[in-house]
């Protein structure tokens, strides 16, 4: 621990806190997750910490946060993740959705990476159980899934009630046995809905009311939602988990596949412009103008409604409903 300097707080939960730390000899930033031992006197809680560390060590994927190492001192159990500027990445998705919608082509690119990460975890029988915006980091077009505190490695039905209320599936809020993978799929659908629409599909003033809506209410979609996005959400957000696709099926959905090549090329060229003119704010606007011209030349033939949606469509009602992020 002597080799690190604590820079500030990144987050805090019921059993742990996350600090921004810098390594003295390298200058590399880390997120330092600290479990305080007085919170781990219960052997089940200590077992959960060890399980999280074990799961992270098993995961090697570009869109999942990696653990650098874990160690224990005389007072605390500590876990280091090899990530940096976490607070900036975390802020992006939340604040971007609050002030405006992420462009659809970018939203699809983000979602493709999220699905890729979860599909990888599911292939190893790892179920996350707390997929939400706050656990999805995003910067420079790269997604990282974080916080495997509720994750388990199992292919069996699960009985434990856990997660974040807004993202919980109908079977979890009904407190019945559930398939962890299918429940993760529901949470993915909630994430995609929020990114595309700008609000949660279900919101309420209390957990009890929210759970009733999750179990009973029909989903409502904006009239101007992309038909392909509507079809995907309609498949993912099925009340009956048996009717939901597995992650590998979502991964090959056409709406996810069609935009990746375009977005990669656009970011390369737009990034080059920013590199040339990053010191002059005037060229930021040139970059924005270039973005729309590039959309016209490269995107129009692939998806004709994309240009219309990004430039001409009426601004959606972006009333933002504060949604709960507490975990149980």
C-alpha atoms as a PDB file:
ATOM      1  CA  UNK A   1       0.000   0.000   0.000  1.00  0.00           C
ATOM      2  CA  UNK A   2       2.983   2.302   0.548  1.00  0.00           C
ATOM      3  CA  UNK A   3       3.523   2.426  -3.217  1.00  0.00           C
ATOM      4  CA  UNK A   4       0.160   4.144  -3.820  1.00  0.00           C
ATOM      5  CA  UNK A   5      -1.146   7.658  -3.185  1.00  0.00           C
ATOM      6  CA  UNK A   6      -4.893   8.028  -2.660  1.00  0.00           C
ATOM      7  CA  UNK A   7      -6.232  10.816  -4.897  1.00  0.00           C
ATOM      8  CA  UNK A   8      -9.917  10.808  -3.970  1.00  0.00           C
ATOM      9  CA  UNK A   9     -13.180   8.882  -3.740  1.00  0.00           C
ATOM     10  CA  UNK A  10     -14.775   7.132  -6.710  1.00  0.00           C
ATOM     11  CA  UNK A  11     -17.669   5.438  -4.988  1.00  0.00           C
ATOM     12  CA  UNK A  12     -18.943   3.796  -1.847  1.00  0.00           C
ATOM     13  CA  UNK A  13     -21.131   0.784  -1.133  1.00  0.00           C
ATOM     14  CA  UNK A  14     -22.447  -0.943   1.956  1.00  0.00           C
ATOM     15  CA  UNK A  15     -19.366  -3.141   2.366  1.00  0.00           C
ATOM     16  CA  UNK A  16     -16.598  -1.369   0.445  1.00  0.00           C
ATOM     17  CA  UNK A  17     -15.357   1.927  -0.917  1.00  0.00           C
ATOM     18  CA  UNK A  18     -13.523   2.679  -4.159  1.00  0.00           C
ATOM     19  CA  UNK A  19     -10.629   5.132  -4.211  1.00  0.00           C
ATOM     20  CA  UNK A  20      -8.697   6.682  -7.052  1.00  0.00           C
ATOM     21  CA  UNK A  21      -5.033   5.883  -6.446  1.00  0.00           C
ATOM     22  CA  UNK A  22      -1.811   6.573  -8.325  1.00  0.00           C
ATOM     23  CA  UNK A  23       1.174   4.254  -8.303  1.00  0.00           C
ATOM     24  CA  UNK A  24       4.237   6.212  -7.205  1.00  0.00           C
ATOM     25  CA  UNK A  25       6.874   4.549  -9.357  1.00  0.00           C
ATOM     26  CA  UNK A  26       4.852   4.404 -12.605  1.00  0.00           C
ATOM     27  CA  UNK A  27       2.316   7.238 -12.335  1.00  0.00           C
ATOM     28  CA  UNK A  28      -0.441   4.831 -13.449  1.00  0.00           C
ATOM     29  CA  UNK A  29      -3.918   5.393 -12.044  1.00  0.00           C
ATOM     30  CA  UNK A  30      -5.796   2.550 -10.382  1.00  0.00           C
ATOM     31  CA  UNK A  31      -9.197   2.057  -8.866  1.00  0.00           C
ATOM     32  CA  UNK A  32      -8.569   0.669  -5.399  1.00  0.00           C
ATOM     33  CA  UNK A  33     -11.515  -1.230  -3.972  1.00  0.00           C
ATOM     34  CA  UNK A  34     -11.200  -1.476  -0.204  1.00  0.00           C
ATOM     35  CA  UNK A  35     -13.150  -3.970   1.874  1.00  0.00           C
ATOM     36  CA  UNK A  36     -13.065  -3.051   5.552  1.00  0.00           C
ATOM     37  CA  UNK A  37     -12.665  -6.080   7.764  1.00  0.00           C
ATOM     38  CA  UNK A  38     -15.170  -4.959  10.363  1.00  0.00           C
ATOM     39  CA  UNK A  39     -17.774  -5.299   7.580  1.00  0.00           C
ATOM     40  CA  UNK A  40     -16.575  -8.820   6.781  1.00  0.00           C
ATOM     41  CA  UNK A  41     -16.915 -10.498  10.163  1.00  0.00           C
ATOM     42  CA  UNK A  42     -19.765 -12.514   8.680  1.00  0.00           C
ATOM     43  CA  UNK A  43     -18.148 -15.462   6.906  1.00  0.00           C
ATOM     44  CA  UNK A  44     -20.711 -15.286   4.092  1.00  0.00           C
ATOM     45  CA  UNK A  45     -19.667 -11.713   3.289  1.00  0.00           C
ATOM     46  CA  UNK A  46     -16.000 -12.695   3.307  1.00  0.00           C
ATOM     47  CA  UNK A  47     -16.861 -15.604   1.039  1.00  0.00           C
ATOM     48  CA  UNK A  48     -18.550 -13.191  -1.384  1.00  0.00           C
ATOM     49  CA  UNK A  49     -15.415 -11.032  -1.555  1.00  0.00           C
ATOM     50  CA  UNK A  50     -13.242 -14.048  -2.296  1.00  0.00           C
ATOM     51  CA  UNK A  51     -15.749 -15.165  -4.935  1.00  0.00           C
ATOM     52  CA  UNK A  52     -15.613 -11.764  -6.669  1.00  0.00           C
ATOM     53  CA  UNK A  53     -11.818 -11.851  -6.773  1.00  0.00           C
ATOM     54  CA  UNK A  54     -11.848 -15.424  -8.075  1.00  0.00           C
ATOM     55  CA  UNK A  55     -14.324 -14.554 -10.841  1.00  0.00           C
ATOM     56  CA  UNK A  56     -12.365 -11.484 -11.959  1.00  0.00           C
ATOM     57  CA  UNK A  57      -9.203 -13.573 -12.216  1.00  0.00           C
ATOM     58  CA  UNK A  58     -11.012 -15.938 -14.585  1.00  0.00           C
ATOM     59  CA  UNK A  59     -12.104 -13.198 -16.975  1.00  0.00           C
ATOM     60  CA  UNK A  60      -9.913 -12.063 -19.871  1.00  0.00           C
ATOM     61  CA  UNK A  61     -11.990  -9.857 -22.168  1.00  0.00           C
ATOM     62  CA  UNK A  62     -11.388  -6.415 -23.652  1.00  0.00           C
ATOM     63  CA  UNK A  63     -14.776  -5.156 -22.442  1.00  0.00           C
ATOM     64  CA  UNK A  64     -14.559  -6.463 -18.877  1.00  0.00           C
ATOM     65  CA  UNK A  65     -12.509  -4.763 -16.205  1.00  0.00           C
ATOM     66  CA  UNK A  66      -9.485  -6.808 -15.203  1.00  0.00           C
ATOM     67  CA  UNK A  67      -8.082  -7.328 -11.746  1.00  0.00           C
ATOM     68  CA  UNK A  68      -4.413  -6.500 -11.367  1.00  0.00           C
ATOM     69  CA  UNK A  69      -3.926  -8.141  -8.000  1.00  0.00           C
ATOM     70  CA  UNK A  70      -5.479  -8.461  -4.555  1.00  0.00           C
ATOM     71  CA  UNK A  71      -3.826  -8.371  -1.168  1.00  0.00           C
ATOM     72  CA  UNK A  72      -4.670  -8.243   2.518  1.00  0.00           C
ATOM     73  CA  UNK A  73      -3.079  -6.043   5.157  1.00  0.00           C
ATOM     74  CA  UNK A  74      -3.400  -6.119   8.929  1.00  0.00           C
ATOM     75  CA  UNK A  75      -6.553  -4.038   8.910  1.00  0.00           C
ATOM     76  CA  UNK A  76      -8.233  -4.330   5.532  1.00  0.00           C
ATOM     77  CA  UNK A  77      -8.808  -6.615   2.578  1.00  0.00           C
ATOM     78  CA  UNK A  78      -8.008  -4.714  -0.606  1.00  0.00           C
ATOM     79  CA  UNK A  79      -8.561  -5.362  -4.271  1.00  0.00           C
ATOM     80  CA  UNK A  80      -6.938  -3.426  -7.125  1.00  0.00           C
ATOM     81  CA  UNK A  81      -8.393  -3.196 -10.604  1.00  0.00           C
ATOM     82  CA  UNK A  82      -6.204  -2.160 -13.491  1.00  0.00           C
ATOM     83  CA  UNK A  83      -8.379   0.786 -14.581  1.00  0.00           C
ATOM     84  CA  UNK A  84      -7.950   4.518 -14.666  1.00  0.00           C
ATOM     85  CA  UNK A  85      -9.960   7.747 -15.019  1.00  0.00           C
ATOM     86  CA  UNK A  86     -12.970   5.722 -13.892  1.00  0.00           C
ATOM     87  CA  UNK A  87     -14.926   8.729 -12.660  1.00  0.00           C
ATOM     88  CA  UNK A  88     -14.785  10.411 -16.063  1.00  0.00           C
ATOM     89  CA  UNK A  89     -15.935   7.305 -17.879  1.00  0.00           C
ATOM     90  CA  UNK A  90     -18.692   6.590 -15.394  1.00  0.00           C
ATOM     91  CA  UNK A  91     -19.954  10.157 -15.618  1.00  0.00           C
ATOM     92  CA  UNK A  92     -20.194  10.064 -19.398  1.00  0.00           C
ATOM     93  CA  UNK A  93     -23.034   7.595 -19.842  1.00  0.00           C
ATOM     94  CA  UNK A  94     -25.133   8.955 -16.988  1.00  0.00           C
ATOM     95  CA  UNK A  95     -24.689  12.654 -17.757  1.00  0.00           C
ATOM     96  CA  UNK A  96     -24.948  12.179 -21.525  1.00  0.00           C
ATOM     97  CA  UNK A  97     -28.334  10.526 -21.172  1.00  0.00           C
ATOM     98  CA  UNK A  98     -29.545  13.242 -18.786  1.00  0.00           C
ATOM     99  CA  UNK A  99     -28.753  16.133 -21.108  1.00  0.00           C
ATOM    100  CA  UNK A 100     -29.362  14.499 -24.487  1.00  0.00           C
ATOM    101  CA  UNK A 101     -29.659  11.152 -26.187  1.00  0.00           C
ATOM    102  CA  UNK A 102     -26.554   9.389 -27.407  1.00  0.00           C
ATOM    103  CA  UNK A 103     -26.676   9.214 -31.241  1.00  0.00           C
ATOM    104  CA  UNK A 104     -28.261   5.963 -32.319  1.00  0.00           C
ATOM    105  CA  UNK A 105     -25.270   4.667 -34.267  1.00  0.00           C
ATOM    106  CA  UNK A 106     -23.056   5.232 -31.223  1.00  0.00           C
ATOM    107  CA  UNK A 107     -25.613   3.626 -28.905  1.00  0.00           C
ATOM    108  CA  UNK A 108     -25.560   0.496 -31.046  1.00  0.00           C
ATOM    109  CA  UNK A 109     -21.775   0.387 -30.966  1.00  0.00           C
ATOM    110  CA  UNK A 110     -21.813   0.728 -27.169  1.00  0.00           C
ATOM    111  CA  UNK A 111     -24.442  -1.978 -26.808  1.00  0.00           C
ATOM    112  CA  UNK A 112     -22.535  -4.359 -29.064  1.00  0.00           C
ATOM    113  CA  UNK A 113     -19.554  -4.199 -26.714  1.00  0.00           C
ATOM    114  CA  UNK A 114     -21.741  -4.680 -23.636  1.00  0.00           C
ATOM    115  CA  UNK A 115     -23.367  -7.744 -25.193  1.00  0.00           C
ATOM    116  CA  UNK A 116     -19.971  -9.121 -26.215  1.00  0.00           C
ATOM    117  CA  UNK A 117     -18.728  -8.838 -22.625  1.00  0.00           C
ATOM    118  CA  UNK A 118     -21.793 -10.468 -21.077  1.00  0.00           C
ATOM    119  CA  UNK A 119     -21.854 -13.223 -23.724  1.00  0.00           C
ATOM    120  CA  UNK A 120     -18.237 -13.998 -22.837  1.00  0.00           C
ATOM    121  CA  UNK A 121     -19.100 -14.180 -19.132  1.00  0.00           C
ATOM    122  CA  UNK A 122     -22.103 -16.403 -19.825  1.00  0.00           C
ATOM    123  CA  UNK A 123     -19.918 -18.735 -21.897  1.00  0.00           C
ATOM    124  CA  UNK A 124     -17.987 -19.333 -18.671  1.00  0.00           C
ATOM    125  CA  UNK A 125     -21.236 -19.680 -16.689  1.00  0.00           C
ATOM    126  CA  UNK A 126     -20.535 -16.357 -14.951  1.00  0.00           C
ATOM    127  CA  UNK A 127     -23.702 -14.400 -14.214  1.00  0.00           C
ATOM    128  CA  UNK A 128     -23.251 -10.699 -13.369  1.00  0.00           C
ATOM    129  CA  UNK A 129     -26.620 -10.030 -11.643  1.00  0.00           C
ATOM    130  CA  UNK A 130     -26.138  -6.249 -11.403  1.00  0.00           C
ATOM    131  CA  UNK A 131     -25.920  -4.928 -14.973  1.00  0.00           C
ATOM    132  CA  UNK A 132     -26.741  -1.208 -14.975  1.00  0.00           C
ATOM    133  CA  UNK A 133     -25.424   2.076 -16.372  1.00  0.00           C
ATOM    134  CA  UNK A 134     -23.393   2.749 -13.245  1.00  0.00           C
ATOM    135  CA  UNK A 135     -21.484  -0.479 -13.862  1.00  0.00           C
ATOM    136  CA  UNK A 136     -20.679   0.312 -17.494  1.00  0.00           C
ATOM    137  CA  UNK A 137     -17.649   2.500 -18.097  1.00  0.00           C
ATOM    138  CA  UNK A 138     -17.196   4.174 -21.473  1.00  0.00           C
ATOM    139  CA  UNK A 139     -14.461   6.362 -22.919  1.00  0.00           C
ATOM    140  CA  UNK A 140     -12.845   6.671 -26.333  1.00  0.00           C
ATOM    141  CA  UNK A 141     -15.462   4.271 -27.736  1.00  0.00           C
ATOM    142  CA  UNK A 142     -14.363   1.496 -25.365  1.00  0.00           C
ATOM    143  CA  UNK A 143     -16.760  -0.162 -22.920  1.00  0.00           C
ATOM    144  CA  UNK A 144     -15.761  -1.824 -19.659  1.00  0.00           C
ATOM    145  CA  UNK A 145     -18.128  -3.837 -17.448  1.00  0.00           C
ATOM    146  CA  UNK A 146     -17.302  -3.431 -13.762  1.00  0.00           C
ATOM    147  CA  UNK A 147     -18.427  -4.494 -10.277  1.00  0.00           C
ATOM    148  CA  UNK A 148     -18.760  -8.260 -10.045  1.00  0.00           C
ATOM    149  CA  UNK A 149     -19.740  -8.104  -6.381  1.00  0.00           C
ATOM    150  CA  UNK A 150     -23.008  -9.968  -7.042  1.00  0.00           C
ATOM    151  CA  UNK A 151     -21.600 -12.233  -9.758  1.00  0.00           C
ATOM    152  CA  UNK A 152     -21.766 -15.995  -9.386  1.00  0.00           C
ATOM    153  CA  UNK A 153     -20.430 -18.885 -11.404  1.00  0.00           C
ATOM    154  CA  UNK A 154     -23.314 -21.278 -11.910  1.00  0.00           C
ATOM    155  CA  UNK A 155     -25.517 -22.852 -14.538  1.00  0.00           C
ATOM    156  CA  UNK A 156     -28.265 -23.685 -12.039  1.00  0.00           C
ATOM    157  CA  UNK A 157     -31.362 -21.812 -10.955  1.00  0.00           C
ATOM    158  CA  UNK A 158     -30.718 -19.008  -8.448  1.00  0.00           C
ATOM    159  CA  UNK A 159     -32.821 -18.157  -5.403  1.00  0.00           C
ATOM    160  CA  UNK A 160     -31.029 -15.087  -4.003  1.00  0.00           C
ATOM    161  CA  UNK A 161     -32.810 -11.728  -4.346  1.00  0.00           C
ATOM    162  CA  UNK A 162     -30.212  -9.131  -5.361  1.00  0.00           C
ATOM    163  CA  UNK A 163     -29.450  -6.376  -7.851  1.00  0.00           C
ATOM    164  CA  UNK A 164     -30.675  -2.847  -8.498  1.00  0.00           C
ATOM    165  CA  UNK A 165     -34.483  -2.421  -8.418  1.00  0.00           C
ATOM    166  CA  UNK A 166     -34.841  -0.554 -11.730  1.00  0.00           C
ATOM    167  CA  UNK A 167     -32.953  -3.275 -13.606  1.00  0.00           C
ATOM    168  CA  UNK A 168     -34.452  -6.313 -11.850  1.00  0.00           C
ATOM    169  CA  UNK A 169     -36.294  -8.862 -13.958  1.00  0.00           C
ATOM    170  CA  UNK A 170     -39.909  -9.896 -13.263  1.00  0.00           C
ATOM    171  CA  UNK A 171     -38.789 -13.266 -11.909  1.00  0.00           C
ATOM    172  CA  UNK A 172     -36.401 -11.652  -9.409  1.00  0.00           C
ATOM    173  CA  UNK A 173     -38.968  -9.188  -8.066  1.00  0.00           C
ATOM    174  CA  UNK A 174     -41.407 -12.114  -7.822  1.00  0.00           C
ATOM    175  CA  UNK A 175     -38.828 -13.787  -5.539  1.00  0.00           C
ATOM    176  CA  UNK A 176     -38.905 -17.109  -7.333  1.00  0.00           C
ATOM    177  CA  UNK A 177     -36.067 -19.272  -8.635  1.00  0.00           C
ATOM    178  CA  UNK A 178     -34.611 -17.798 -11.797  1.00  0.00           C
ATOM    179  CA  UNK A 179     -32.082 -18.408 -14.546  1.00  0.00           C
ATOM    180  CA  UNK A 180     -29.243 -15.945 -13.976  1.00  0.00           C
ATOM    181  CA  UNK A 181     -28.379 -15.660 -17.660  1.00  0.00           C
ATOM    182  CA  UNK A 182     -31.953 -14.824 -18.680  1.00  0.00           C
ATOM    183  CA  UNK A 183     -32.166 -12.289 -15.848  1.00  0.00           C
ATOM    184  CA  UNK A 184     -28.971 -10.637 -17.127  1.00  0.00           C
ATOM    185  CA  UNK A 185     -30.629 -10.417 -20.558  1.00  0.00           C
ATOM    186  CA  UNK A 186     -33.521  -8.464 -19.036  1.00  0.00           C
ATOM    187  CA  UNK A 187     -31.062  -6.020 -17.453  1.00  0.00           C
ATOM    188  CA  UNK A 188     -29.333  -5.604 -20.829  1.00  0.00           C
ATOM    189  CA  UNK A 189     -32.702  -4.677 -22.299  1.00  0.00           C
ATOM    190  CA  UNK A 190     -33.266  -2.035 -19.622  1.00  0.00           C
ATOM    191  CA  UNK A 191     -29.816  -0.566 -20.355  1.00  0.00           C
ATOM    192  CA  UNK A 192     -30.526  -0.423 -24.099  1.00  0.00           C
ATOM    193  CA  UNK A 193     -33.961   1.112 -23.500  1.00  0.00           C
ATOM    194  CA  UNK A 194     -32.490   3.896 -21.327  1.00  0.00           C
ATOM    195  CA  UNK A 195     -29.702   4.629 -23.814  1.00  0.00           C
ATOM    196  CA  UNK A 196     -32.097   4.886 -26.771  1.00  0.00           C
ATOM    197  CA  UNK A 197     -35.128   6.466 -25.104  1.00  0.00           C
ATOM    198  CA  UNK A 198     -33.528   8.540 -22.341  1.00  0.00           C
ATOM    199  CA  UNK A 199     -35.592   7.220 -19.439  1.00  0.00           C
ATOM    200  CA  UNK A 200     -36.410   3.999 -17.623  1.00  0.00           C
ATOM    201  CA  UNK A 201     -39.278   1.874 -18.933  1.00  0.00           C
ATOM    202  CA  UNK A 202     -40.619   1.509 -15.386  1.00  0.00           C
ATOM    203  CA  UNK A 203     -40.389   4.132 -12.644  1.00  0.00           C
ATOM    204  CA  UNK A 204     -42.129   4.617  -9.305  1.00  0.00           C
ATOM    205  CA  UNK A 205     -41.797   6.302  -5.927  1.00  0.00           C
ATOM    206  CA  UNK A 206     -41.278   3.065  -4.010  1.00  0.00           C
ATOM    207  CA  UNK A 207     -39.782  -0.364  -4.621  1.00  0.00           C
ATOM    208  CA  UNK A 208     -43.137  -2.054  -4.007  1.00  0.00           C
ATOM    209  CA  UNK A 209     -44.852   0.044  -6.674  1.00  0.00           C
ATOM    210  CA  UNK A 210     -41.903  -0.396  -9.033  1.00  0.00           C
ATOM    211  CA  UNK A 211     -41.935  -4.175  -8.648  1.00  0.00           C
ATOM    212  CA  UNK A 212     -45.659  -4.286  -9.453  1.00  0.00           C
ATOM    213  CA  UNK A 213     -45.053  -2.350 -12.664  1.00  0.00           C
ATOM    214  CA  UNK A 214     -42.136  -4.573 -13.659  1.00  0.00           C
ATOM    215  CA  UNK A 215     -44.328  -7.663 -13.219  1.00  0.00           C
ATOM    216  CA  UNK A 216     -47.570  -6.364 -14.707  1.00  0.00           C
ATOM    217  CA  UNK A 217     -47.188  -3.240 -16.869  1.00  0.00           C
ATOM    218  CA  UNK A 218     -46.684  -3.352 -20.605  1.00  0.00           C
ATOM    219  CA  UNK A 219     -43.676  -1.652 -22.126  1.00  0.00           C
ATOM    220  CA  UNK A 220     -44.269   1.669 -23.846  1.00  0.00           C
ATOM    221  CA  UNK A 221     -42.089   2.689 -26.779  1.00  0.00           C
ATOM    222  CA  UNK A 222     -41.710   6.104 -28.483  1.00  0.00           C
ATOM    223  CA  UNK A 223     -43.322   6.333 -31.916  1.00  0.00           C
ATOM    224  CA  UNK A 224     -40.054   7.349 -33.566  1.00  0.00           C
ATOM    225  CA  UNK A 225     -38.012   4.443 -32.193  1.00  0.00           C
ATOM    226  CA  UNK A 226     -36.040   2.557 -34.822  1.00  0.00           C
ATOM    227  CA  UNK A 227     -38.166  -0.494 -35.842  1.00  0.00           C
ATOM    228  CA  UNK A 228     -35.167  -2.810 -35.511  1.00  0.00           C
ATOM    229  CA  UNK A 229     -34.444  -1.471 -32.030  1.00  0.00           C
ATOM    230  CA  UNK A 230     -38.106  -1.970 -31.157  1.00  0.00           C
ATOM    231  CA  UNK A 231     -37.987  -5.593 -32.302  1.00  0.00           C
ATOM    232  CA  UNK A 232     -34.819  -6.301 -30.316  1.00  0.00           C
ATOM    233  CA  UNK A 233     -36.162  -4.693 -27.140  1.00  0.00           C
ATOM    234  CA  UNK A 234     -39.442  -6.518 -27.570  1.00  0.00           C
ATOM    235  CA  UNK A 235     -37.568  -9.838 -27.679  1.00  0.00           C
ATOM    236  CA  UNK A 236     -35.271  -9.075 -24.746  1.00  0.00           C
ATOM    237  CA  UNK A 237     -37.827  -7.531 -22.389  1.00  0.00           C
ATOM    238  CA  UNK A 238     -40.244 -10.448 -22.267  1.00  0.00           C
ATOM    239  CA  UNK A 239     -41.928 -11.047 -18.922  1.00  0.00           C
ATOM    240  CA  UNK A 240     -41.490 -14.788 -19.376  1.00  0.00           C
ATOM    241  CA  UNK A 241     -37.749 -15.567 -19.151  1.00  0.00           C
ATOM    242  CA  UNK A 242     -38.204 -18.681 -21.303  1.00  0.00           C
ATOM    243  CA  UNK A 243     -39.143 -16.404 -24.216  1.00  0.00           C
ATOM    244  CA  UNK A 244     -36.014 -14.263 -23.938  1.00  0.00           C
ATOM    245  CA  UNK A 245     -33.017 -15.043 -26.139  1.00  0.00           C
ATOM    246  CA  UNK A 246     -29.651 -16.039 -24.745  1.00  0.00           C
ATOM    247  CA  UNK A 247     -26.796 -13.575 -25.073  1.00  0.00           C
ATOM    248  CA  UNK A 248     -25.256 -15.303 -28.094  1.00  0.00           C
ATOM    249  CA  UNK A 249     -28.557 -14.835 -29.948  1.00  0.00           C
ATOM    250  CA  UNK A 250     -28.612 -11.133 -29.056  1.00  0.00           C
ATOM    251  CA  UNK A 251     -25.001 -10.848 -30.186  1.00  0.00           C
ATOM    252  CA  UNK A 252     -25.847 -11.783 -33.780  1.00  0.00           C
ATOM    253  CA  UNK A 253     -28.901  -9.527 -34.021  1.00  0.00           C
ATOM    254  CA  UNK A 254     -28.839  -7.438 -37.209  1.00  0.00           C
ATOM    255  CA  UNK A 255     -29.169  -4.104 -35.410  1.00  0.00           C
ATOM    256  CA  UNK A 256     -25.908  -4.789 -33.571  1.00  0.00           C
ATOM    257  CA  UNK A 257     -23.962  -6.062 -36.572  1.00  0.00           C
ATOM    258  CA  UNK A 258     -24.833  -3.391 -39.129  1.00  0.00           C
ATOM    259  CA  UNK A 259     -23.103  -0.335 -37.627  1.00  0.00           C
ATOM    260  CA  UNK A 260     -19.737  -1.509 -36.316  1.00  0.00           C
ATOM    261  CA  UNK A 261     -17.660  -0.990 -39.463  1.00  0.00           C
ATOM    262  CA  UNK A 262     -19.113   2.453 -40.075  1.00  0.00           C
ATOM    263  CA  UNK A 263     -18.574   3.680 -36.532  1.00  0.00           C
ATOM    264  CA  UNK A 264     -14.969   2.462 -36.454  1.00  0.00           C
ATOM    265  CA  UNK A 265     -14.096   4.330 -39.663  1.00  0.00           C
ATOM    266  CA  UNK A 266     -15.863   7.465 -38.514  1.00  0.00           C
ATOM    267  CA  UNK A 267     -13.982   7.519 -35.198  1.00  0.00           C
ATOM    268  CA  UNK A 268     -10.627   7.080 -36.949  1.00  0.00           C
ATOM    269  CA  UNK A 269     -11.173  10.113 -39.204  1.00  0.00           C
ATOM    270  CA  UNK A 270     -12.884  12.265 -36.589  1.00  0.00           C
ATOM    271  CA  UNK A 271     -10.125  11.403 -34.112  1.00  0.00           C
ATOM    272  CA  UNK A 272      -7.498  12.516 -36.631  1.00  0.00           C
ATOM    273  CA  UNK A 273      -9.216  15.909 -36.961  1.00  0.00           C
ATOM    274  CA  UNK A 274      -9.307  16.297 -33.184  1.00  0.00           C
ATOM    275  CA  UNK A 275      -5.621  15.395 -32.997  1.00  0.00           C
ATOM    276  CA  UNK A 276      -4.707  18.101 -35.508  1.00  0.00           C
ATOM    277  CA  UNK A 277      -6.805  20.859 -33.973  1.00  0.00           C
ATOM    278  CA  UNK A 278      -7.365  19.917 -30.337  1.00  0.00           C
ATOM    279  CA  UNK A 279      -5.965  23.249 -29.070  1.00  0.00           C
ATOM    280  CA  UNK A 280      -8.440  25.417 -30.957  1.00  0.00           C
ATOM    281  CA  UNK A 281     -12.128  25.207 -29.986  1.00  0.00           C
ATOM    282  CA  UNK A 282     -13.207  26.480 -33.412  1.00  0.00           C
ATOM    283  CA  UNK A 283     -12.203  23.199 -34.955  1.00  0.00           C
ATOM    284  CA  UNK A 284     -14.457  21.339 -32.563  1.00  0.00           C
ATOM    285  CA  UNK A 285     -17.356  22.701 -34.612  1.00  0.00           C
ATOM    286  CA  UNK A 286     -15.589  21.715 -37.821  1.00  0.00           C
ATOM    287  CA  UNK A 287     -15.422  18.207 -36.415  1.00  0.00           C
ATOM    288  CA  UNK A 288     -19.167  18.231 -35.732  1.00  0.00           C
ATOM    289  CA  UNK A 289     -19.916  19.457 -39.268  1.00  0.00           C
ATOM    290  CA  UNK A 290     -17.644  16.767 -40.665  1.00  0.00           C
ATOM    291  CA  UNK A 291     -19.516  14.178 -38.630  1.00  0.00           C
ATOM    292  CA  UNK A 292     -22.783  14.858 -40.457  1.00  0.00           C
ATOM    293  CA  UNK A 293     -21.150  14.951 -43.887  1.00  0.00           C
ATOM    294  CA  UNK A 294     -19.489  11.652 -43.084  1.00  0.00           C
ATOM    295  CA  UNK A 295     -22.830  10.231 -41.990  1.00  0.00           C
ATOM    296  CA  UNK A 296     -24.290  11.227 -45.349  1.00  0.00           C
ATOM    297  CA  UNK A 297     -21.560   9.720 -47.532  1.00  0.00           C
ATOM    298  CA  UNK A 298     -20.878   6.543 -45.584  1.00  0.00           C
ATOM    299  CA  UNK A 299     -24.122   5.800 -43.818  1.00  0.00           C
ATOM    300  CA  UNK A 300     -26.935   6.805 -46.130  1.00  0.00           C
ATOM    301  CA  UNK A 301     -26.818   3.710 -48.317  1.00  0.00           C
ATOM    302  CA  UNK A 302     -26.563   1.366 -45.335  1.00  0.00           C
ATOM    303  CA  UNK A 303     -29.364   2.807 -43.249  1.00  0.00           C
ATOM    304  CA  UNK A 304     -31.370   5.536 -44.943  1.00  0.00           C
ATOM    305  CA  UNK A 305     -33.206   6.752 -41.869  1.00  0.00           C
ATOM    306  CA  UNK A 306     -30.013   7.367 -39.877  1.00  0.00           C
ATOM    307  CA  UNK A 307     -29.306  10.803 -41.368  1.00  0.00           C
ATOM    308  CA  UNK A 308     -32.902  11.889 -40.893  1.00  0.00           C
ATOM    309  CA  UNK A 309     -32.925  10.735 -37.265  1.00  0.00           C
ATOM    310  CA  UNK A 310     -29.670  12.441 -36.383  1.00  0.00           C
ATOM    311  CA  UNK A 311     -30.285  15.776 -38.113  1.00  0.00           C
ATOM    312  CA  UNK A 312     -33.967  16.350 -38.873  1.00  0.00           C
ATOM    313  CA  UNK A 313     -36.005  14.437 -36.326  1.00  0.00           C
ATOM    314  CA  UNK A 314     -37.862  16.445 -33.717  1.00  0.00           C
ATOM    315  CA  UNK A 315     -36.215  16.508 -30.350  1.00  0.00           C
ATOM    316  CA  UNK A 316     -37.665  13.863 -28.090  1.00  0.00           C
ATOM    317  CA  UNK A 317     -39.124  14.585 -24.684  1.00  0.00           C
ATOM    318  CA  UNK A 318     -35.995  14.168 -22.603  1.00  0.00           C
ATOM    319  CA  UNK A 319     -37.657  14.427 -19.223  1.00  0.00           C
ATOM    320  CA  UNK A 320     -35.314  12.405 -17.076  1.00  0.00           C
ATOM    321  CA  UNK A 321     -36.736  10.277 -14.312  1.00  0.00           C
ATOM    322  CA  UNK A 322     -34.332   9.682 -11.472  1.00  0.00           C
ATOM    323  CA  UNK A 323     -34.049   5.956 -11.085  1.00  0.00           C
ATOM    324  CA  UNK A 324     -32.914   4.016  -8.077  1.00  0.00           C
ATOM    325  CA  UNK A 325     -29.395   2.679  -7.984  1.00  0.00           C
ATOM    326  CA  UNK A 326     -29.422   1.045  -4.583  1.00  0.00           C
ATOM    327  CA  UNK A 327     -28.454  -2.582  -4.464  1.00  0.00           C
ATOM    328  CA  UNK A 328     -30.059  -5.073  -2.190  1.00  0.00           C
END
